[in-house]
Protein backbone atom coordinates (compact mmCIF):
# COMPACT_ATOMS: atom_id res chain seq x y z
CA MET A 1 2.15 32.41 -55.09
CA ILE A 2 0.78 31.90 -51.57
CA LEU A 3 0.95 28.49 -49.99
CA TYR A 4 -1.53 27.47 -47.46
CA PRO A 5 -1.05 24.48 -45.19
CA LYS A 6 -3.13 21.58 -46.14
CA GLU A 7 -5.91 20.50 -43.77
CA VAL A 8 -4.09 17.22 -43.28
CA ASP A 9 -0.99 18.89 -41.92
CA ILE A 10 -2.98 20.80 -39.38
CA VAL A 11 -4.65 17.72 -38.07
CA ILE A 12 -1.37 15.87 -37.65
CA VAL A 13 0.25 18.73 -35.64
CA SER A 14 -2.94 18.94 -33.52
CA LYS A 15 -2.94 15.24 -32.75
CA LYS A 16 0.71 15.32 -31.74
CA SER A 17 0.21 18.11 -29.39
CA GLN A 18 -2.85 16.44 -27.79
CA THR A 19 -0.92 13.26 -27.26
CA ALA A 20 1.89 15.24 -25.61
CA THR A 21 -0.55 16.98 -23.30
CA GLU A 22 -2.25 13.82 -22.34
CA TYR A 23 1.11 12.23 -21.53
CA MET A 24 2.12 15.21 -19.27
CA ILE A 25 -1.19 15.06 -17.42
CA ILE A 26 -0.88 11.34 -16.81
CA LEU A 27 2.75 11.74 -15.68
CA ALA A 28 1.73 14.52 -13.25
CA VAL A 29 -1.01 12.38 -11.77
CA VAL A 30 1.31 9.44 -11.25
CA ILE A 31 3.99 11.67 -9.59
CA ILE A 32 1.27 13.13 -7.16
CA ILE A 33 0.06 9.71 -6.23
CA ALA A 34 3.61 8.49 -5.56
CA LEU A 35 4.33 11.55 -3.31
CA ILE A 36 1.13 10.96 -1.42
CA ALA A 37 2.03 7.30 -0.88
CA VAL A 38 5.54 8.15 0.32
CA ALA A 39 4.28 10.79 2.73
CA VAL A 40 1.62 8.38 4.20
CA LEU A 41 4.21 5.69 4.70
CA GLY A 42 6.51 8.04 6.57
CA GLY A 43 9.21 8.45 3.85
CA ILE A 44 9.22 12.17 4.24
CA PRO A 45 10.40 13.35 7.75
CA GLY A 46 7.67 15.04 9.65
CA VAL A 47 4.90 14.01 7.19
CA GLY A 48 2.94 10.91 8.13
CA ALA A 49 4.47 10.68 11.62
CA GLY A 50 1.09 11.70 13.11
CA ALA A 51 -0.60 8.87 11.24
CA LYS A 52 1.84 6.34 12.73
CA LYS A 53 1.23 7.70 16.21
CA ARG A 54 -2.59 7.59 15.83
CA GLY A 55 -2.23 4.07 14.51
CA ALA A 56 -0.23 3.02 17.63
CA GLU A 57 -2.79 4.70 19.92
CA THR A 58 -5.65 2.94 18.16
CA TYR A 59 -3.91 -0.38 18.49
CA TRP A 60 -3.35 0.09 22.26
CA ASN A 61 -6.90 1.19 22.79
CA VAL A 62 -8.42 -2.02 21.44
CA ALA A 63 -5.68 -4.50 22.45
CA ASP A 64 -6.60 -7.42 24.73
CA VAL A 65 -5.49 -5.41 27.66
CA GLY A 66 -5.93 -1.84 26.28
CA VAL A 67 -3.99 1.23 27.24
CA THR A 68 -6.47 4.08 27.03
CA SER A 69 -4.19 6.89 28.33
CA TYR A 70 -0.74 7.28 29.88
CA ALA A 71 1.62 9.94 31.05
CA ASN A 72 5.40 9.80 31.53
CA ALA A 73 6.68 12.81 33.54
CA VAL A 74 10.08 14.28 34.50
CA THR A 75 8.88 14.34 38.15
CA GLY A 76 6.16 12.37 40.04
CA ASN A 77 4.61 9.06 39.42
CA ASP A 78 3.82 8.03 35.81
CA VAL A 79 0.30 6.94 35.07
CA LEU A 80 -0.97 4.07 32.89
CA LYS A 81 -4.70 3.54 32.43
CA VAL A 82 -5.46 -0.03 31.39
CA LYS A 83 -8.70 -1.42 30.04
CA ASN A 84 -9.99 -4.97 29.90
CA ASN A 85 -11.11 -5.54 26.29
CA LYS A 86 -11.76 -9.29 26.88
CA LYS A 87 -15.16 -10.73 27.63
CA ASN A 88 -14.13 -12.28 30.87
CA THR A 89 -12.82 -10.66 34.10
CA ILE A 90 -9.08 -10.61 34.34
CA THR A 91 -6.45 -10.07 37.04
CA ILE A 92 -3.39 -8.09 35.97
CA ASP A 93 -0.30 -9.56 37.73
CA TRP A 94 2.17 -7.02 36.36
CA VAL A 95 2.92 -4.64 33.45
CA ASN A 96 6.59 -4.65 32.24
CA MET A 97 8.16 -2.00 30.01
CA SER A 98 11.41 -2.30 28.15
CA THR A 99 13.20 -0.49 25.42
CA THR A 100 13.92 -3.75 23.61
CA SER A 101 11.39 -6.10 22.21
CA ASP A 102 12.70 -9.16 24.28
CA SER A 103 10.30 -8.01 26.99
CA ALA A 104 13.10 -8.24 29.74
CA ALA A 105 11.56 -6.32 32.57
CA THR A 106 13.35 -3.05 33.18
CA THR A 107 10.61 -1.60 35.13
CA SER A 108 7.10 -2.70 36.08
CA PHE A 109 3.84 -1.47 37.55
CA ASN A 110 3.44 -3.95 40.35
CA ASP A 111 -0.17 -3.25 41.22
CA THR A 112 -0.67 -6.90 41.77
CA ASP A 113 -4.03 -8.42 41.75
CA THR A 114 -5.67 -5.52 39.85
CA ILE A 115 -9.00 -7.00 38.91
CA LEU A 116 -10.70 -5.67 35.78
CA GLY A 117 -14.21 -6.68 34.71
CA ALA A 118 -15.08 -6.66 31.01
CA GLY A 119 -14.72 -3.14 29.64
CA GLU A 120 -13.44 -1.78 32.99
CA VAL A 121 -10.70 0.83 33.14
CA LYS A 122 -8.17 1.12 36.08
CA THR A 123 -5.28 3.46 36.68
CA LEU A 124 -1.78 2.06 37.50
CA THR A 125 0.98 4.28 38.85
CA GLY A 126 4.70 3.64 38.80
CA LEU A 127 7.66 4.59 36.65
CA LEU A 128 7.58 4.23 32.92
CA VAL A 129 10.58 3.25 30.83
CA PRO A 130 12.35 5.08 29.50
CA THR A 131 12.40 7.63 32.24
CA CYS A 132 11.99 11.19 31.04
CA THR A 133 14.77 13.71 31.82
CA LYS A 134 13.49 16.60 29.67
CA VAL A 135 10.01 17.94 29.11
CA GLY A 136 9.00 17.63 25.42
CA ASP A 137 11.27 14.61 24.67
CA ASN A 138 9.75 11.80 22.70
CA TRP A 139 9.81 8.24 24.19
CA ALA A 140 8.84 4.80 23.10
CA THR A 141 8.67 1.43 24.99
CA TYR A 142 7.60 -2.08 24.47
CA LEU A 143 4.93 -3.22 26.84
CA THR A 144 4.23 -6.71 28.25
CA VAL A 145 1.16 -7.51 30.41
CA LYS A 146 0.88 -10.65 32.42
CA TYR A 147 -2.80 -11.32 33.24
CA GLN A 148 -5.04 -14.15 34.32
CA ASP A 149 -8.51 -14.97 33.11
CA VAL A 150 -10.57 -15.26 36.38
CA ASP A 151 -13.09 -17.71 34.92
CA THR A 152 -10.70 -20.26 33.42
CA GLY A 153 -7.50 -19.65 35.49
CA ALA A 154 -5.44 -19.41 32.26
CA ILE A 155 -2.43 -17.09 32.41
CA PHE A 156 -1.49 -14.89 29.40
CA TYR A 157 1.39 -12.65 28.40
CA PHE A 158 0.26 -9.96 26.04
CA LYS A 159 3.29 -8.38 24.23
CA GLY A 160 1.60 -5.93 21.89
CA ASP A 161 2.71 -7.68 18.68
CA GLY A 162 5.77 -5.51 18.40
CA ASN A 163 3.90 -2.25 18.66
CA LYS A 164 5.50 0.32 20.85
CA LEU A 165 3.75 2.66 23.35
CA GLU A 166 4.90 6.12 22.36
CA GLY A 167 4.52 9.55 24.00
CA VAL A 168 6.03 12.95 24.89
CA CYS A 169 7.57 13.65 28.26
CA ALA A 170 5.33 15.78 30.57
CA SER A 171 6.44 18.07 33.34
CA ILE A 172 4.54 16.72 36.27
CA VAL A 173 2.02 14.02 36.84
CA SER A 174 0.18 14.59 39.99
């Protein structure tokens, strides 16, 4: 006597394997999404670091007193290009840099009375903190800018909301 599986038995096995396959696909999608989220948030060394740096650069470009470009060199004067993103003309009294967030001035660009009209960019020279000792080293610093609104006479201290200015040490800034 030859026994053949009943049609009901075949359908049950088919449904079980379909459920297991769907479960595995959903699990794989969840794992991929979790890995992407961890990478974007910087949880994997080397992955997502570029996004953090681009975010800091974007922040400093559009800040009240923006920093459009900068260079920290082993030799020569360091350069900081600042932009007035306010609607009124401002006078920059000083720019302090510090490796701690308490904004204690460890160095400063003392180009006093640098006047910037709305949207205007000027170049300041001096020594950045931290000072570079080796080409290619990474550096980061907190930035505080003291400026005065020319129209109202009000004095402001812009501290960057805890965002650091970050970069790589260059060889020479001429």
